[in-house]
Amino acid sequence: MTRLLIALALALLALPAAGETRVTGVRVWSAPDNTRLVFELSEPVEHSIFGLSSPDRLIIDLKNAGLAGKVDSLGPTEKRLLKLRHGVQNQKDLRVVLDLRQSVRAKSFLLKPSAPYGHRLVVELLDRDEAGPSATAARGSNAAKGPAPGPAAKAVKAGAVGRDIVVAIDAGHGGEDPGAVGANGSREKDITLAIARRLERLVRAEPGMRPVLTRTGDYFVGLRKRTQLARKHKADFFVSIHADAFKDQRARGSSVFILSDRGASSEAARWLAEAENAADLVGGVSLDDKDDVLASVLLDLSQTGTRKASLDGAQSVFDQLGKLGEVHAGEVQQAGFVVLKAPDVPSLLVETAFISNPDEERRLRNPAHQQLIAEAILRGVRAYFHKSPPPGTQLAMQQDRKHTIAAGESLALIAQRYAVSVDSLREVNGLGTDRVRVGQVLRIPES
């Protein structure tokens, strides 16, 4: 990420008049698909934005506001911004003019104080090809969101020998969201990105696997956008990396989480209620032509299989982290984390250690320990996929496709998991009925 800090000069040019909102700082965060400007405010401000063309500019008006100092010009590395200018409008308002390198679409919103920040105005610039019409085509502060960035993942490599297993790696927090901060100033966002990059390199070196990072630098990515990126790249597994914190500095150890039943239920209701999801795919089945009852059943089946796979993968990673050091709880935990809510992507969240514990904070900052954490996660992911390789992958094609029946599994659920028909399962296994028993081994036909 290219982070540009626009520092306000220490020598004040003109103090804002009494009652004015003071703009005490402006930060700029550049991500692959957007640039985010954050205005630090003394209090909430009424504002408006609109675009102009020939040349492309974005105008930001802050009512009854004043700068507490001078704004420096931008450097040449910012992808979307050429220059920032400011002046007084209507003798009482602050006008900020963004000279753009390309046409963009913009949206803005206010944020309430949240430690360590006070009131903030956020303006996001979205690439035109990602977000629809340019800013010059619309006025106002509520532009529609564009789709997740990045090219779609290819399902099968050239040569048709089976596709790669895709592992989405999510470095928690980022940009103006530092996450937890340790006693010695370590920021969770930096620790998670360092471990994520190490895990990415390990996955890339693993035969038959391919990594996808939800963020590649120090910038903000929304929680649901992280899961959207995983789904867009057709991820087989989603691993979110974090560092825990607690008011008691003695708390220590790593944890692994999957989505709770309650979190899954609330997400199912959200998917079924929102019109924008009507044409989405859940486990490869379109819901747009299904009645409410059938759509609910299909979504429930998809979530059941996904949560079972999530638990299996999480247990495998948990076992490996336990070999590395102390674990905070004796088993895989469940919670309603938003990043775990993709209904068709098995997902887990790793709390690598307590950054609030000075000893663990010191280890988290150590590159050698970061590598050990990444290697433990990889071993867990690898063990899970060797036990349950996704159909159509190189790993699945290298193994004799068999499945051992676990508690709660049915023939229909197994057929859905491997993308085969129930009839074909019965045929290759010589079954006269759909009844199966725990511990029974089934041969899985080619899909």
Protein backbone atom coordinates (compact mmCIF):
# COMPACT_ATOMS: atom_id res chain seq x y z
CA MET A 1 0.00 0.00 0.00
CA THR A 2 1.11 3.52 -0.71
CA ARG A 3 0.31 5.55 2.34
CA LEU A 4 0.57 9.29 2.04
CA LEU A 5 0.38 11.44 5.18
CA ILE A 6 -0.70 14.97 4.44
CA ALA A 7 0.65 16.80 7.44
CA LEU A 8 -0.76 20.16 8.42
CA ALA A 9 1.95 22.73 9.02
CA LEU A 10 2.72 23.43 12.65
CA ALA A 11 2.63 27.16 12.06
CA LEU A 12 -1.06 28.04 11.80
CA LEU A 13 -1.89 30.24 8.84
CA ALA A 14 -5.24 31.37 10.24
CA LEU A 15 -7.19 30.13 13.23
CA PRO A 16 -10.75 29.04 12.41
CA ALA A 17 -13.43 31.39 13.65
CA ALA A 18 -15.35 30.57 16.81
CA GLY A 19 -17.93 27.85 16.23
CA GLU A 20 -16.20 26.49 13.12
CA THR A 21 -15.39 22.83 12.71
CA ARG A 22 -11.62 22.42 12.75
CA VAL A 23 -10.05 20.09 10.19
CA THR A 24 -6.97 18.99 12.10
CA GLY A 25 -5.54 16.46 9.66
CA VAL A 26 -6.06 14.66 6.37
CA ARG A 27 -4.84 11.11 5.76
CA VAL A 28 -4.81 9.33 2.39
CA TRP A 29 -4.83 5.52 1.99
CA SER A 30 -4.33 4.00 -1.44
CA ALA A 31 -5.72 0.50 -2.12
CA PRO A 32 -5.76 -1.46 -5.40
CA ASP A 33 -9.36 -0.52 -6.18
CA ASN A 34 -9.88 2.72 -4.23
CA THR A 35 -8.29 5.70 -2.53
CA ARG A 36 -9.64 6.76 0.86
CA LEU A 37 -9.29 10.27 2.28
CA VAL A 38 -9.91 10.68 6.00
CA PHE A 39 -10.53 14.20 7.35
CA GLU A 40 -9.91 14.51 11.10
CA LEU A 41 -12.57 16.78 12.59
CA SER A 42 -13.16 18.57 15.86
CA GLU A 43 -16.88 17.75 15.50
CA PRO A 44 -19.31 16.38 12.86
CA VAL A 45 -19.61 18.47 9.72
CA GLU A 46 -22.25 18.94 7.03
CA HIS A 47 -20.70 18.32 3.64
CA SER A 48 -21.37 17.72 -0.05
CA ILE A 49 -19.31 16.35 -2.94
CA PHE A 50 -19.63 16.61 -6.70
CA GLY A 51 -17.48 16.00 -9.76
CA LEU A 52 -16.34 18.11 -12.69
CA SER A 53 -14.77 17.07 -15.99
CA SER A 54 -12.25 18.47 -18.50
CA PRO A 55 -10.13 18.09 -16.46
CA ASP A 56 -11.44 15.54 -13.92
CA ARG A 57 -11.89 17.04 -10.46
CA LEU A 58 -13.79 16.21 -7.29
CA ILE A 59 -15.10 19.04 -5.13
CA ILE A 60 -15.64 18.55 -1.38
CA ASP A 61 -17.46 21.34 0.48
CA LEU A 62 -17.42 21.33 4.30
CA LYS A 63 -19.92 23.79 5.75
CA ASN A 64 -18.77 26.23 8.42
CA ALA A 65 -15.34 24.58 8.60
CA GLY A 66 -11.76 25.75 8.50
CA LEU A 67 -8.31 24.25 8.17
CA ALA A 68 -6.05 24.44 11.18
CA GLY A 69 -3.02 24.73 8.90
CA LYS A 70 -1.56 24.14 5.45
CA VAL A 71 -2.15 21.04 3.35
CA ASP A 72 0.91 19.66 1.59
CA SER A 73 0.75 18.60 -2.05
CA LEU A 74 0.60 14.88 -2.93
CA GLY A 75 3.55 12.84 -4.11
CA PRO A 76 3.74 11.23 -7.56
CA THR A 77 2.97 7.68 -6.39
CA GLU A 78 -0.75 8.16 -5.68
CA LYS A 79 -2.70 6.36 -8.43
CA ARG A 80 -5.88 8.49 -8.53
CA LEU A 81 -4.93 11.89 -7.11
CA LEU A 82 -2.73 14.43 -8.81
CA LYS A 83 -3.06 17.31 -6.36
CA LEU A 84 -5.14 18.65 -3.46
CA ARG A 85 -6.16 22.31 -3.28
CA HIS A 86 -8.29 24.17 -0.77
CA GLY A 87 -9.90 27.53 -0.27
CA VAL A 88 -12.74 29.44 1.38
CA GLN A 89 -16.24 29.19 -0.11
CA ASN A 90 -19.07 31.62 0.76
CA GLN A 91 -16.73 33.26 3.30
CA LYS A 92 -17.43 30.49 5.84
CA ASP A 93 -17.12 27.07 4.20
CA LEU A 94 -14.03 25.02 3.40
CA ARG A 95 -13.74 23.83 -0.21
CA VAL A 96 -11.26 21.06 -1.04
CA VAL A 97 -10.54 20.40 -4.72
CA LEU A 98 -9.05 17.06 -5.76
CA ASP A 99 -7.32 17.17 -9.13
CA LEU A 100 -7.69 13.63 -10.45
CA ARG A 101 -5.42 11.49 -12.60
CA GLN A 102 -8.50 9.62 -13.86
CA SER A 103 -12.27 9.86 -13.59
CA VAL A 104 -13.60 8.18 -10.47
CA ARG A 105 -16.80 7.59 -8.57
CA ALA A 106 -16.96 8.87 -5.02
CA LYS A 107 -18.88 8.19 -1.84
CA SER A 108 -18.60 9.75 1.60
CA PHE A 109 -19.71 9.12 5.17
CA LEU A 110 -19.10 10.36 8.72
CA LEU A 111 -17.58 8.22 11.47
CA LYS A 112 -18.18 8.73 15.18
CA PRO A 113 -15.23 8.85 17.59
CA SER A 114 -13.56 5.49 18.16
CA ALA A 115 -10.23 5.23 19.97
CA PRO A 116 -7.71 6.38 19.00
CA TYR A 117 -9.65 8.65 16.58
CA GLY A 118 -12.21 11.43 16.99
CA HIS A 119 -14.85 12.51 14.50
CA ARG A 120 -13.94 11.74 10.88
CA LEU A 121 -15.23 12.39 7.38
CA VAL A 122 -14.32 9.62 4.94
CA VAL A 123 -14.30 10.18 1.17
CA GLU A 124 -13.67 7.12 -1.02
CA LEU A 125 -12.61 7.33 -4.66
CA LEU A 126 -13.50 4.20 -6.63
CA ASP A 127 -12.05 3.29 -10.01
CA ARG A 128 -14.51 3.97 -12.80
CA ASP A 129 -14.29 0.46 -14.27
CA GLU A 130 -14.90 -1.00 -10.78
CA ALA A 131 -17.63 1.33 -9.60
CA GLY A 132 -19.72 2.26 -12.63
CA PRO A 133 -20.17 5.87 -13.87
CA SER A 134 -17.55 8.44 -13.04
CA ALA A 135 -17.92 11.12 -10.42
CA THR A 136 -18.63 13.64 -13.14
CA ALA A 137 -21.87 11.78 -13.94
CA ALA A 138 -23.43 12.14 -10.50
CA ARG A 139 -23.64 14.64 -7.68
CA GLY A 140 -24.03 13.90 -3.98
CA SER A 141 -22.34 11.79 -1.37
CA ASN A 142 -24.00 8.39 -1.74
CA ALA A 143 -22.50 6.59 -4.73
CA ALA A 144 -23.15 2.91 -5.30
CA LYS A 145 -20.47 0.40 -4.37
CA GLY A 146 -18.58 -1.42 -7.08
CA PRO A 147 -17.71 -5.11 -7.15
CA ALA A 148 -14.69 -6.61 -5.48
CA PRO A 149 -11.36 -6.00 -7.27
CA GLY A 150 -9.06 -8.39 -9.02
CA PRO A 151 -9.41 -10.80 -11.92
CA ALA A 152 -11.62 -13.83 -11.52
CA ALA A 153 -9.75 -17.00 -10.62
CA LYS A 154 -9.34 -19.61 -13.35
CA ALA A 155 -11.03 -22.83 -12.34
CA VAL A 156 -8.57 -25.17 -14.04
CA LYS A 157 -4.94 -24.71 -15.04
CA ALA A 158 -3.78 -25.25 -18.59
CA GLY A 159 -3.38 -28.92 -19.34
CA ALA A 160 -6.61 -29.95 -17.59
CA VAL A 161 -4.81 -32.02 -14.95
CA GLY A 162 -7.01 -30.67 -12.19
CA ARG A 163 -7.33 -27.20 -10.80
CA ASP A 164 -5.41 -25.67 -7.91
CA ILE A 165 -6.88 -25.52 -4.43
CA VAL A 166 -7.49 -21.80 -3.75
CA VAL A 167 -6.76 -20.55 -0.22
CA ALA A 168 -7.97 -17.03 0.61
CA ILE A 169 -5.71 -15.42 3.22
CA ASP A 170 -7.15 -12.47 5.12
CA ALA A 171 -4.90 -10.12 7.09
CA GLY A 172 -7.18 -8.56 9.70
CA HIS A 173 -7.70 -4.79 9.98
CA GLY A 174 -5.63 -2.33 7.91
CA GLY A 175 -5.45 1.34 6.93
CA GLU A 176 -7.04 3.62 9.49
CA ASP A 177 -8.18 0.52 11.42
CA PRO A 178 -5.07 -0.51 13.39
CA GLY A 179 -6.79 -3.29 15.34
CA ALA A 180 -5.48 -3.99 18.83
CA VAL A 181 -2.33 -2.16 19.95
CA GLY A 182 0.21 -3.80 22.25
CA ALA A 183 1.88 -2.25 25.28
CA ASN A 184 5.00 -1.58 23.21
CA GLY A 185 3.06 -0.01 20.33
CA SER A 186 2.76 -3.05 18.04
CA ARG A 187 -0.29 -2.74 15.79
CA GLU A 188 -2.41 -5.78 14.99
CA LYS A 189 -2.78 -4.71 11.35
CA ASP A 190 1.00 -4.88 10.84
CA ILE A 191 1.42 -8.25 12.56
CA THR A 192 -1.43 -9.86 10.63
CA LEU A 193 -0.18 -8.61 7.27
CA ALA A 194 3.34 -9.89 7.98
CA ILE A 195 2.03 -13.36 8.86
CA ALA A 196 -0.40 -13.36 5.91
CA ARG A 197 2.42 -12.58 3.48
CA ARG A 198 4.50 -15.43 4.90
CA LEU A 199 1.55 -17.80 4.63
CA GLU A 200 0.96 -16.66 1.05
CA ARG A 201 4.53 -17.58 0.11
CA LEU A 202 4.18 -21.00 1.74
CA VAL A 203 0.87 -21.75 0.00
CA ARG A 204 2.28 -20.60 -3.34
CA ALA A 205 5.14 -23.07 -2.95
CA GLU A 206 2.75 -25.92 -2.11
CA PRO A 207 2.03 -28.16 -5.14
CA GLY A 208 -1.57 -27.89 -6.26
CA MET A 209 -2.38 -24.83 -4.14
CA ARG A 210 -2.76 -21.15 -4.95
CA PRO A 211 -3.09 -18.24 -2.47
CA VAL A 212 -5.25 -15.12 -2.72
CA LEU A 213 -4.69 -12.20 -0.33
CA THR A 214 -7.69 -10.05 0.63
CA ARG A 215 -5.32 -7.12 1.15
CA THR A 216 -1.74 -6.75 0.01
CA GLY A 217 -0.83 -3.59 1.90
CA ASP A 218 -1.80 -1.18 4.65
CA TYR A 219 -5.28 -0.13 3.57
CA PHE A 220 -8.83 -0.72 4.76
CA VAL A 221 -11.03 -3.51 3.36
CA GLY A 222 -14.61 -3.88 4.58
CA LEU A 223 -15.49 -7.12 6.38
CA ARG A 224 -18.07 -8.31 3.86
CA LYS A 225 -15.84 -7.30 0.97
CA ARG A 226 -13.23 -9.73 2.30
CA THR A 227 -15.68 -12.62 1.98
CA GLN A 228 -16.80 -11.31 -1.42
CA LEU A 229 -13.19 -11.45 -2.60
CA ALA A 230 -12.92 -15.05 -1.43
CA ARG A 231 -16.11 -16.00 -3.28
CA LYS A 232 -15.05 -14.11 -6.41
CA HIS A 233 -11.82 -16.07 -6.56
CA LYS A 234 -13.73 -19.31 -5.92
CA ALA A 235 -11.76 -19.98 -2.75
CA ASP A 236 -11.84 -23.50 -1.31
CA PHE A 237 -10.95 -22.19 2.15
CA PHE A 238 -10.80 -18.78 3.86
CA VAL A 239 -8.27 -18.12 6.64
CA SER A 240 -8.53 -14.84 8.58
CA ILE A 241 -5.52 -13.89 10.70
CA HIS A 242 -5.79 -11.75 13.84
CA ALA A 243 -4.04 -11.04 17.15
CA ASP A 244 -6.20 -11.11 20.28
CA ALA A 245 -6.33 -8.53 23.08
CA PHE A 246 -7.73 -8.46 26.60
CA LYS A 247 -7.71 -6.03 29.52
CA ASP A 248 -5.78 -8.57 31.61
CA GLN A 249 -2.22 -8.68 30.25
CA ARG A 250 -1.80 -12.21 31.58
CA ALA A 251 -4.18 -13.64 28.95
CA ARG A 252 -2.16 -15.71 26.49
CA GLY A 253 -2.34 -18.38 23.82
CA SER A 254 -3.76 -18.84 20.32
CA SER A 255 -7.37 -19.61 19.38
CA VAL A 256 -9.21 -20.83 16.28
CA PHE A 257 -12.81 -19.82 15.53
CA ILE A 258 -15.52 -20.92 13.12
CA LEU A 259 -18.95 -19.39 12.56
CA SER A 260 -21.49 -20.09 15.30
CA ASP A 261 -24.95 -21.58 14.70
CA ARG A 262 -26.52 -18.26 15.59
CA GLY A 263 -24.23 -16.39 13.22
CA ALA A 264 -25.08 -18.82 10.42
CA SER A 265 -28.81 -18.46 11.06
CA SER A 266 -28.69 -14.65 11.01
CA GLU A 267 -26.67 -14.70 7.81
CA ALA A 268 -29.12 -17.10 6.15
CA ALA A 269 -31.97 -14.72 6.99
CA ARG A 270 -29.99 -11.83 5.54
CA TRP A 271 -29.25 -13.65 2.28
CA LEU A 272 -32.85 -14.70 1.81
CA ALA A 273 -34.26 -11.27 2.70
CA GLU A 274 -32.10 -9.10 0.46
CA ALA A 275 -33.30 -8.77 -3.11
CA GLU A 276 -29.74 -8.35 -4.38
CA ASN A 277 -28.99 -11.92 -3.33
CA ALA A 278 -31.92 -13.45 -5.22
CA ALA A 279 -29.79 -14.23 -8.27
CA ASP A 280 -26.66 -15.16 -6.29
CA LEU A 281 -25.27 -18.68 -6.21
CA VAL A 282 -25.26 -20.76 -3.05
CA GLY A 283 -23.25 -23.92 -3.44
CA GLY A 284 -23.66 -23.65 -7.21
CA VAL A 285 -27.47 -23.44 -7.07
CA SER A 286 -29.27 -20.28 -8.17
CA LEU A 287 -31.94 -19.07 -5.76
CA ASP A 288 -33.64 -16.63 -8.13
CA ASP A 289 -36.21 -19.13 -9.42
CA LYS A 290 -36.91 -20.92 -6.12
CA ASP A 291 -39.77 -20.28 -3.70
CA ASP A 292 -38.92 -19.13 -0.18
CA VAL A 293 -39.18 -22.57 1.42
CA LEU A 294 -37.00 -24.31 -1.16
CA ALA A 295 -34.46 -21.49 -1.16
CA SER A 296 -34.23 -21.75 2.63
CA VAL A 297 -33.70 -25.53 2.47
CA LEU A 298 -30.99 -25.21 -0.20
CA LEU A 299 -29.20 -22.50 1.75
CA ASP A 300 -29.40 -24.57 4.95
CA LEU A 301 -27.88 -27.58 3.16
CA SER A 302 -25.08 -25.42 1.78
CA GLN A 303 -24.35 -23.91 5.20
CA THR A 304 -24.41 -27.31 6.90
CA GLY A 305 -21.76 -28.68 4.56
CA THR A 306 -19.71 -25.49 4.79
CA ARG A 307 -19.75 -25.45 8.61
CA LYS A 308 -18.76 -29.14 8.75
CA ALA A 309 -15.80 -28.44 6.44
CA SER A 310 -14.94 -25.31 8.48
CA LEU A 311 -14.87 -27.31 11.70
CA ASP A 312 -12.69 -30.04 10.18
CA GLY A 313 -10.23 -27.50 8.81
CA ALA A 314 -10.24 -25.46 12.02
CA GLN A 315 -9.55 -28.55 14.12
CA SER A 316 -6.61 -29.42 11.91
CA VAL A 317 -5.14 -25.90 12.23
CA PHE A 318 -5.88 -25.85 15.97
CA ASP A 319 -3.93 -29.10 16.44
CA GLN A 320 -0.90 -27.65 14.67
CA LEU A 321 -0.97 -24.39 16.64
CA GLY A 322 -1.15 -26.48 19.82
CA LYS A 323 2.16 -28.09 18.87
CA LEU A 324 3.69 -24.64 18.40
CA GLY A 325 2.73 -23.24 21.81
CA GLU A 326 -0.02 -22.62 24.32
CA VAL A 327 -3.64 -22.44 23.14
CA HIS A 328 -6.09 -20.17 24.92
CA ALA A 329 -8.98 -22.66 24.94
CA GLY A 330 -9.03 -26.42 24.77
CA GLU A 331 -11.06 -26.63 21.59
CA VAL A 332 -12.14 -24.78 18.45
CA GLN A 333 -14.34 -21.83 19.39
CA GLN A 334 -17.48 -20.49 17.70
CA ALA A 335 -18.48 -16.85 17.19
CA GLY A 336 -20.45 -14.64 14.80
CA PHE A 337 -17.50 -12.99 13.04
CA VAL A 338 -18.69 -11.31 9.82
CA VAL A 339 -15.68 -12.52 7.82
CA LEU A 340 -16.72 -16.14 8.46
CA LYS A 341 -20.22 -15.78 7.01
CA ALA A 342 -19.76 -16.83 3.37
CA PRO A 343 -22.36 -19.61 3.00
CA ASP A 344 -20.34 -21.61 0.50
CA VAL A 345 -16.69 -21.06 1.54
CA PRO A 346 -15.36 -23.02 4.55
CA SER A 347 -13.82 -20.38 6.83
CA LEU A 348 -11.83 -20.05 10.03
CA LEU A 349 -10.32 -17.22 12.04
CA VAL A 350 -7.00 -17.58 13.85
CA GLU A 351 -6.19 -15.44 16.88
CA THR A 352 -2.43 -16.00 16.70
CA ALA A 353 -1.71 -14.79 20.25
CA PHE A 354 -2.54 -11.98 22.68
CA ILE A 355 -0.88 -8.79 21.50
CA SER A 356 -1.92 -7.33 24.87
CA ASN A 357 0.45 -9.77 26.60
CA PRO A 358 3.96 -8.21 26.54
CA ASP A 359 5.70 -11.59 26.10
CA GLU A 360 3.44 -12.66 23.26
CA GLU A 361 3.62 -9.21 21.68
CA ARG A 362 7.40 -9.56 21.57
CA ARG A 363 7.12 -12.95 19.86
CA LEU A 364 4.53 -11.68 17.38
CA ARG A 365 6.99 -8.97 16.30
CA ASN A 366 9.72 -11.58 15.72
CA PRO A 367 9.96 -12.59 12.02
CA ALA A 368 11.10 -16.09 12.98
CA HIS A 369 8.03 -16.61 15.17
CA GLN A 370 5.78 -15.17 12.46
CA GLN A 371 7.19 -17.81 10.12
CA LEU A 372 6.47 -20.57 12.65
CA ILE A 373 2.85 -19.42 12.91
CA ALA A 374 2.48 -19.38 9.12
CA GLU A 375 4.01 -22.85 8.84
CA ALA A 376 1.66 -24.23 11.52
CA ILE A 377 -1.38 -22.82 9.69
CA LEU A 378 -0.15 -24.30 6.41
CA ARG A 379 0.36 -27.73 7.98
CA GLY A 380 -3.19 -27.63 9.28
CA VAL A 381 -4.64 -26.53 5.95
CA ARG A 382 -2.58 -29.11 4.08
CA ALA A 383 -3.68 -31.94 6.40
CA TYR A 384 -7.32 -30.96 5.96
CA PHE A 385 -7.13 -30.92 2.16
CA HIS A 386 -5.25 -34.22 2.01
CA LYS A 387 -8.12 -35.72 4.01
CA SER A 388 -10.88 -33.93 2.06
CA PRO A 389 -9.58 -32.74 -1.33
CA PRO A 390 -12.14 -30.63 -3.26
CA PRO A 391 -13.50 -32.38 -6.37
CA GLY A 392 -11.76 -31.44 -9.59
CA THR A 393 -8.48 -30.43 -7.93
CA GLN A 394 -5.08 -31.91 -8.66
CA LEU A 395 -5.00 -33.37 -5.16
CA ALA A 396 -8.37 -35.08 -5.58
CA MET A 397 -7.31 -36.58 -8.90
CA GLN A 398 -4.15 -37.96 -7.32
CA GLN A 399 -6.09 -39.82 -4.63
CA ASP A 400 -8.42 -42.77 -4.80
CA ARG A 401 -11.65 -40.92 -4.11
CA LYS A 402 -13.14 -42.36 -0.94
CA HIS A 403 -15.21 -40.93 1.85
CA THR A 404 -15.70 -42.22 5.40
CA ILE A 405 -19.18 -41.53 6.77
CA ALA A 406 -19.17 -39.24 9.82
CA ALA A 407 -21.98 -38.64 12.31
CA GLY A 408 -24.80 -36.55 10.87
CA GLU A 409 -23.90 -37.19 7.22
CA SER A 410 -26.39 -38.50 4.67
CA LEU A 411 -26.00 -39.84 1.16
CA ALA A 412 -27.59 -36.68 -0.23
CA LEU A 413 -25.18 -34.43 1.69
CA ILE A 414 -22.16 -36.42 0.47
CA ALA A 415 -23.46 -36.26 -3.11
CA GLN A 416 -23.75 -32.47 -2.83
CA ARG A 417 -20.28 -32.15 -1.35
CA TYR A 418 -18.61 -34.05 -4.19
CA ALA A 419 -20.91 -32.67 -6.91
CA VAL A 420 -22.16 -36.13 -7.93
CA SER A 421 -25.65 -37.63 -8.07
CA VAL A 422 -27.14 -39.83 -5.36
CA ASP A 423 -27.88 -42.44 -8.04
CA SER A 424 -24.21 -42.65 -9.06
CA LEU A 425 -23.17 -43.01 -5.41
CA ARG A 426 -25.59 -45.89 -4.94
CA GLU A 427 -24.46 -47.52 -8.18
CA VAL A 428 -20.67 -47.51 -7.61
CA ASN A 429 -21.11 -48.65 -3.99
CA GLY A 430 -23.77 -51.28 -4.67
CA LEU A 431 -26.26 -49.66 -2.31
CA GLY A 432 -29.90 -50.73 -2.42
CA THR A 433 -31.09 -47.81 -0.26
CA ASP A 434 -29.95 -44.34 0.80
CA ARG A 435 -29.21 -45.54 4.33
CA VAL A 436 -25.56 -45.27 5.43
CA ARG A 437 -23.80 -45.86 8.75
CA VAL A 438 -21.06 -44.04 10.63
CA GLY A 439 -17.63 -45.39 9.65
CA GLN A 440 -18.81 -46.79 6.31
CA VAL A 441 -16.37 -46.05 3.45
CA LEU A 442 -17.87 -45.00 0.13
CA ARG A 443 -16.23 -44.80 -3.26
CA ILE A 444 -16.83 -41.43 -4.92
CA PRO A 445 -17.45 -41.51 -8.69
CA GLU A 446 -16.13 -38.82 -11.02
CA SER A 447 -18.48 -35.87 -11.18
